[in-house]
N, C-alpha and C. Protein backbone atom coordinates (compact mmCIF):
# COMPACT_ATOMS: atom_id res chain seq x y z
N UNK A 1 108.28 96.37 98.05
CA UNK A 1 107.75 94.68 98.39
C UNK A 1 107.70 94.62 99.96
N UNK A 2 106.59 94.05 99.85
CA UNK A 2 106.43 93.32 101.81
C UNK A 2 106.97 92.06 102.20
N UNK A 3 106.95 92.23 103.27
CA UNK A 3 107.66 90.29 103.91
C UNK A 3 107.17 89.37 103.19
N UNK A 4 105.36 89.09 103.07
CA UNK A 4 105.28 87.98 102.32
C UNK A 4 105.70 87.91 100.72
N UNK A 5 106.18 88.89 99.71
CA UNK A 5 106.77 88.53 98.72
C UNK A 5 107.88 88.51 99.20
N UNK A 6 109.10 88.97 99.87
CA UNK A 6 110.31 88.50 100.06
C UNK A 6 110.11 86.91 100.49
N UNK A 7 109.55 86.91 101.48
CA UNK A 7 109.38 85.56 101.98
C UNK A 7 109.44 84.51 100.97
N UNK A 8 108.23 84.91 100.15
CA UNK A 8 107.32 83.68 99.04
C UNK A 8 108.46 84.15 97.36
N UNK A 9 108.91 85.02 97.71
CA UNK A 9 110.03 84.65 96.90
C UNK A 9 111.28 83.83 97.14
N UNK A 10 111.66 84.05 98.11
CA UNK A 10 112.95 83.32 98.76
C UNK A 10 112.31 81.87 98.85
N UNK A 11 111.61 81.41 99.41
CA UNK A 11 110.95 80.03 99.22
C UNK A 11 110.73 78.91 97.90
N UNK A 12 110.53 80.47 96.84
CA UNK A 12 110.48 79.84 95.59
C UNK A 12 111.84 79.32 94.58
N UNK A 13 112.58 80.23 95.52
CA UNK A 13 113.94 80.05 95.11
C UNK A 13 114.76 78.71 95.39
N UNK A 14 114.39 78.70 96.77
CA UNK A 14 114.78 77.27 97.56
C UNK A 14 114.57 76.42 96.96
N UNK A 15 112.81 76.72 96.53
CA UNK A 15 111.63 74.94 95.95
C UNK A 15 112.89 75.06 94.85
N UNK A 16 112.98 75.53 94.06
CA UNK A 16 113.83 75.64 93.02
C UNK A 16 115.09 74.80 93.26
N UNK A 17 115.91 75.09 93.86
CA UNK A 17 116.90 74.18 93.81
C UNK A 17 117.38 72.70 94.27
N UNK A 18 115.79 72.82 95.31
CA UNK A 18 115.48 71.67 95.49
C UNK A 18 115.71 70.53 94.69
N UNK A 19 114.48 71.08 93.91
CA UNK A 19 114.24 70.93 92.51
C UNK A 19 115.47 70.06 91.65
N UNK A 20 115.75 71.08 91.42
CA UNK A 20 116.85 70.91 90.64
C UNK A 20 118.03 69.62 91.31
N UNK A 21 118.44 69.90 92.53
CA UNK A 21 119.16 68.36 93.59
C UNK A 21 118.27 67.61 92.91
N UNK A 22 116.67 66.63 93.27
CA UNK A 22 116.54 65.83 92.88
C UNK A 22 116.89 65.66 91.72
N UNK A 23 116.53 66.65 90.43
CA UNK A 23 116.46 66.52 89.40
C UNK A 23 118.02 65.51 88.70
N UNK A 24 118.92 66.15 89.59
CA UNK A 24 120.27 65.59 89.12
C UNK A 24 120.61 64.28 90.18
N UNK A 25 120.39 64.54 91.16
CA UNK A 25 120.42 62.85 92.08
C UNK A 25 119.07 61.86 92.01
N UNK A 26 118.23 62.00 91.54
CA UNK A 26 117.08 61.72 90.64
C UNK A 26 115.69 60.74 92.13
N UNK A 27 116.22 62.25 93.16
CA UNK A 27 115.59 61.14 93.92
C UNK A 27 113.95 62.50 93.71
N UNK A 28 113.12 61.41 93.81
CA UNK A 28 111.36 61.67 93.37
C UNK A 28 111.21 62.80 94.54
N UNK A 29 111.61 62.77 96.00
CA UNK A 29 111.14 63.10 96.93
C UNK A 29 111.56 64.63 96.41
N UNK A 30 112.78 64.60 96.86
CA UNK A 30 113.70 66.22 96.34
C UNK A 30 112.57 66.69 95.35
N UNK A 31 112.50 66.39 94.96
CA UNK A 31 111.86 67.02 93.22
C UNK A 31 110.26 67.49 93.73
N UNK A 32 109.76 66.37 94.08
CA UNK A 32 108.15 67.01 94.93
C UNK A 32 108.29 67.85 95.98
N UNK A 33 109.25 67.47 96.71
CA UNK A 33 109.23 68.46 97.76
C UNK A 33 109.77 70.08 97.14
N UNK A 34 110.86 69.86 96.19
CA UNK A 34 110.91 71.71 95.36
C UNK A 34 109.67 72.19 94.92
N UNK A 35 109.22 71.13 94.19
CA UNK A 35 107.78 71.74 93.13
C UNK A 35 106.67 72.48 94.64
N UNK A 36 106.74 71.57 95.67
CA UNK A 36 105.49 72.14 96.57
C UNK A 36 106.48 73.20 97.23
N UNK A 37 107.71 73.23 97.44
CA UNK A 37 107.92 74.61 98.14
C UNK A 37 107.80 75.61 97.21
N UNK A 38 108.13 75.37 95.50
CA UNK A 38 107.77 76.56 94.46
C UNK A 38 106.58 77.04 94.86
N UNK A 39 105.07 76.51 94.47
CA UNK A 39 103.97 76.39 94.41
C UNK A 39 103.38 77.16 95.58
N UNK A 40 103.93 77.22 96.89
CA UNK A 40 103.63 77.20 98.01
C UNK A 40 104.19 79.24 98.16
N UNK A 41 106.14 79.09 97.45
CA UNK A 41 106.68 79.85 97.51
C UNK A 41 105.60 81.47 96.43
N UNK A 42 105.56 80.58 95.24
CA UNK A 42 104.13 81.89 94.41
C UNK A 42 103.22 81.64 94.99
N UNK A 43 102.80 81.39 95.98
CA UNK A 43 101.62 81.62 95.78
C UNK A 43 101.59 82.68 97.28
N UNK A 44 103.04 82.77 97.97
CA UNK A 44 102.31 83.68 99.04
C UNK A 44 102.93 85.01 98.35
N UNK A 45 104.24 85.24 97.19
CA UNK A 45 104.63 86.06 96.28
C UNK A 45 103.39 86.52 96.02
N UNK A 46 102.32 86.30 95.52
CA UNK A 46 100.94 86.81 95.39
C UNK A 46 99.93 87.19 96.16
N UNK A 47 100.02 86.80 97.29
CA UNK A 47 99.54 87.24 98.01
C UNK A 47 99.60 88.36 98.66
N UNK A 48 101.24 88.24 98.65
CA UNK A 48 101.62 89.66 98.93
C UNK A 48 102.17 90.84 97.99
N UNK A 49 101.62 90.27 96.80
CA UNK A 49 101.30 91.58 95.54
C UNK A 49 100.02 92.03 95.68
N UNK A 50 98.98 91.02 96.06
CA UNK A 50 97.58 91.74 95.98
C UNK A 50 97.30 92.39 97.45
N UNK A 51 98.42 91.94 98.61
CA UNK A 51 98.33 92.70 99.92
C UNK A 51 98.62 94.40 99.46
N UNK A 52 99.57 94.46 98.66
CA UNK A 52 100.64 95.63 98.11
C UNK A 52 99.45 96.61 97.45
N UNK A 53 99.04 95.96 96.31
CA UNK A 53 97.76 96.24 95.75
C UNK A 53 96.46 97.21 96.76
N UNK A 54 96.42 96.42 97.30
CA UNK A 54 95.09 96.70 98.05
C UNK A 54 95.23 97.47 99.69
N UNK A 55 96.35 97.88 99.85
CA UNK A 55 97.40 98.48 100.91
C UNK A 55 96.97 100.11 99.59
N UNK A 56 97.71 100.08 98.73
CA UNK A 56 97.80 101.39 97.65
C UNK A 56 96.37 101.59 98.14
N UNK A 57 95.64 100.61 97.64
CA UNK A 57 93.90 101.00 96.97
C UNK A 57 93.62 102.24 98.52
N UNK A 58 93.93 101.16 99.59
CA UNK A 58 92.91 102.20 100.74
C UNK A 58 93.43 103.04 101.18
N UNK A 59 94.69 103.20 100.56
CA UNK A 59 95.86 104.64 101.33
C UNK A 59 94.92 106.10 101.63
N UNK A 60 94.42 105.84 100.38
CA UNK A 60 92.70 106.89 100.01
C UNK A 60 91.00 106.87 100.49
N UNK A 61 91.10 105.26 101.35
CA UNK A 61 89.77 105.17 102.06
C UNK A 61 89.62 105.68 102.92
N UNK A 62 88.23 105.64 103.81
CA UNK A 62 87.96 106.59 104.43
C UNK A 62 88.87 105.23 106.06
N UNK A 63 88.90 105.67 107.09
CA UNK A 63 89.22 104.84 108.50
C UNK A 63 88.77 103.87 108.29
N UNK A 64 87.20 104.06 108.66
CA UNK A 64 86.18 102.75 108.99
C UNK A 64 87.03 101.81 107.75
N UNK A 65 86.80 102.19 106.53
CA UNK A 65 87.20 101.21 105.81
C UNK A 65 88.78 100.56 105.41
N UNK A 66 89.70 101.22 106.20
CA UNK A 66 91.14 100.72 106.33
C UNK A 66 91.18 99.94 107.48
N UNK A 67 90.38 99.84 108.25
CA UNK A 67 90.18 99.27 109.74
C UNK A 67 88.98 98.13 109.48
N UNK A 68 88.76 97.51 108.37
CA UNK A 68 88.13 96.37 108.32
C UNK A 68 89.03 96.08 107.69
N UNK A 69 89.43 96.64 106.19
CA UNK A 69 90.74 95.77 106.10
C UNK A 69 91.84 95.15 106.50
N UNK A 70 92.45 96.52 107.63
CA UNK A 70 93.52 95.81 108.27
C UNK A 70 93.27 94.50 108.98
N UNK A 71 91.98 94.31 110.34
CA UNK A 71 91.19 93.12 110.50
C UNK A 71 91.84 92.09 109.30
N UNK A 72 91.08 92.43 107.79
CA UNK A 72 90.62 91.02 107.24
C UNK A 72 92.31 90.41 106.57
N UNK A 73 93.20 91.72 106.72
CA UNK A 73 94.09 90.94 105.96
C UNK A 73 94.94 90.17 107.11
N UNK A 74 94.92 90.73 108.74
CA UNK A 74 95.35 89.47 109.07
C UNK A 74 94.86 88.60 109.37
N UNK A 75 93.10 88.50 109.28
CA UNK A 75 93.03 86.91 109.00
C UNK A 75 93.44 86.34 107.88
N UNK A 76 93.19 87.01 107.08
CA UNK A 76 93.94 86.07 105.93
C UNK A 76 95.47 86.30 105.67
N UNK A 77 96.20 86.62 106.40
CA UNK A 77 97.62 86.56 106.87
C UNK A 77 98.13 84.83 107.87
N UNK A 78 96.92 84.86 109.06
CA UNK A 78 96.76 83.70 109.71
C UNK A 78 96.78 82.00 108.72
N UNK A 79 95.94 82.44 107.37
CA UNK A 79 95.53 80.82 106.54
C UNK A 79 95.52 81.80 105.41
N UNK A 80 96.70 81.71 104.37
CA UNK A 80 97.15 82.87 103.35
C UNK A 80 95.94 81.58 101.87
N UNK A 81 96.65 80.47 102.16
CA UNK A 81 96.00 79.69 100.81
C UNK A 81 94.60 79.42 100.84
N UNK A 82 93.81 79.37 102.63
CA UNK A 82 92.69 79.78 102.57
C UNK A 82 91.71 80.50 101.50
N UNK A 83 92.79 81.87 102.03
CA UNK A 83 92.19 83.44 101.35
C UNK A 83 92.46 83.55 100.22
N UNK A 84 92.99 82.99 100.04
CA UNK A 84 93.21 83.55 98.32
C UNK A 84 92.21 82.49 97.57
N UNK A 85 92.08 81.34 98.10
CA UNK A 85 90.62 80.27 97.82
C UNK A 85 89.31 81.18 97.35
N UNK A 86 89.80 81.97 98.87
CA UNK A 86 88.11 82.40 98.83
C UNK A 86 88.44 83.27 97.97
N UNK A 87 89.25 84.82 97.50
CA UNK A 87 88.77 85.27 96.83
C UNK A 87 88.79 84.94 95.17
N UNK A 88 89.56 83.91 95.62
CA UNK A 88 89.32 83.07 93.57
C UNK A 88 88.31 83.02 93.33
N UNK A 89 87.23 82.42 94.51
CA UNK A 89 85.81 82.14 94.36
C UNK A 89 84.88 83.34 94.09
N UNK A 90 85.71 84.00 95.16
CA UNK A 90 84.32 85.68 94.46
C UNK A 90 84.67 85.98 93.05
N UNK A 91 86.02 85.99 92.73
CA UNK A 91 86.37 86.26 91.37
C UNK A 91 85.21 85.73 90.20
N UNK A 92 85.75 84.43 90.78
CA UNK A 92 84.88 84.13 89.64
C UNK A 92 82.88 84.58 89.80
N UNK A 93 82.41 84.16 90.80
CA UNK A 93 80.76 84.64 91.85
C UNK A 93 80.53 86.22 90.35
N UNK A 94 81.86 87.20 90.45
CA UNK A 94 82.21 88.08 90.08
C UNK A 94 81.91 88.09 88.51
N UNK A 95 82.46 87.39 88.18
CA UNK A 95 82.80 87.53 87.08
C UNK A 95 81.85 86.72 86.18
N UNK A 96 80.98 85.76 86.56
CA UNK A 96 79.94 84.99 86.40
C UNK A 96 78.52 86.34 86.45
N UNK A 97 78.56 87.04 87.52
CA UNK A 97 77.42 87.89 87.13
C UNK A 97 77.53 89.19 86.35
N UNK A 98 78.88 89.43 85.96
CA UNK A 98 79.18 90.66 84.68
C UNK A 98 78.94 90.17 83.27
N UNK A 99 79.74 88.40 83.37
CA UNK A 99 79.53 88.19 81.62
C UNK A 99 77.86 88.11 81.80
N UNK A 100 76.54 87.67 83.56
CA UNK A 100 75.04 87.07 82.78
C UNK A 100 74.97 88.62 82.53
N UNK A 101 75.10 89.47 83.32
CA UNK A 101 74.61 90.99 82.71
C UNK A 101 74.82 91.39 81.54
N UNK A 102 76.49 91.80 80.95
CA UNK A 102 76.62 91.72 80.10
C UNK A 102 75.76 91.13 78.66
N UNK A 103 75.36 89.60 78.86
CA UNK A 103 74.42 88.77 77.72
C UNK A 103 73.27 89.20 78.07
N UNK A 104 72.66 89.60 78.86
CA UNK A 104 71.36 89.71 78.74
C UNK A 104 70.99 91.47 78.18
N UNK A 105 71.94 92.41 78.16
CA UNK A 105 71.51 93.56 78.28
C UNK A 105 71.54 94.84 78.67
N UNK A 106 71.39 93.72 80.50
CA UNK A 106 71.04 94.59 81.18
C UNK A 106 72.56 96.09 81.64
N UNK A 107 73.08 95.57 80.97
CA UNK A 107 74.39 96.57 81.56
C UNK A 107 74.45 97.19 80.26
N UNK A 108 73.75 97.61 79.03
CA UNK A 108 74.23 98.41 77.44
C UNK A 108 73.17 100.05 77.86
N UNK A 109 73.47 100.57 77.63
CA UNK A 109 72.26 101.70 77.43
C UNK A 109 71.72 101.23 76.84
N UNK A 110 70.16 101.91 76.26
CA UNK A 110 69.40 101.41 75.51
C UNK A 110 69.01 102.85 75.26
N UNK A 111 68.50 103.65 73.76
CA UNK A 111 68.05 104.43 74.10
C UNK A 111 66.23 104.52 73.79
């Protein structure tokens, strides 16, 4: 487990406690702050999980690829929300490309 996963889990837990306290007291600000912290913690935890998966895959990659990935991870660490949105957008683009390829039959072997 890396630092982002640990910190994200802690933030999520604190957010749950904050929301629970808001629920008990009827304080809407505490409730919304707690929900926001839960979302932020979950996002950071997910970022840490993706980072761990990438690190595992990169362990077998050539050195130039690892160096480029290290720079990308450092940039993503500075702005994890933006990085998550960018990765999500890239995933949607790839999904559309693969779906369109499969629908057109270009992805199938022809005899």
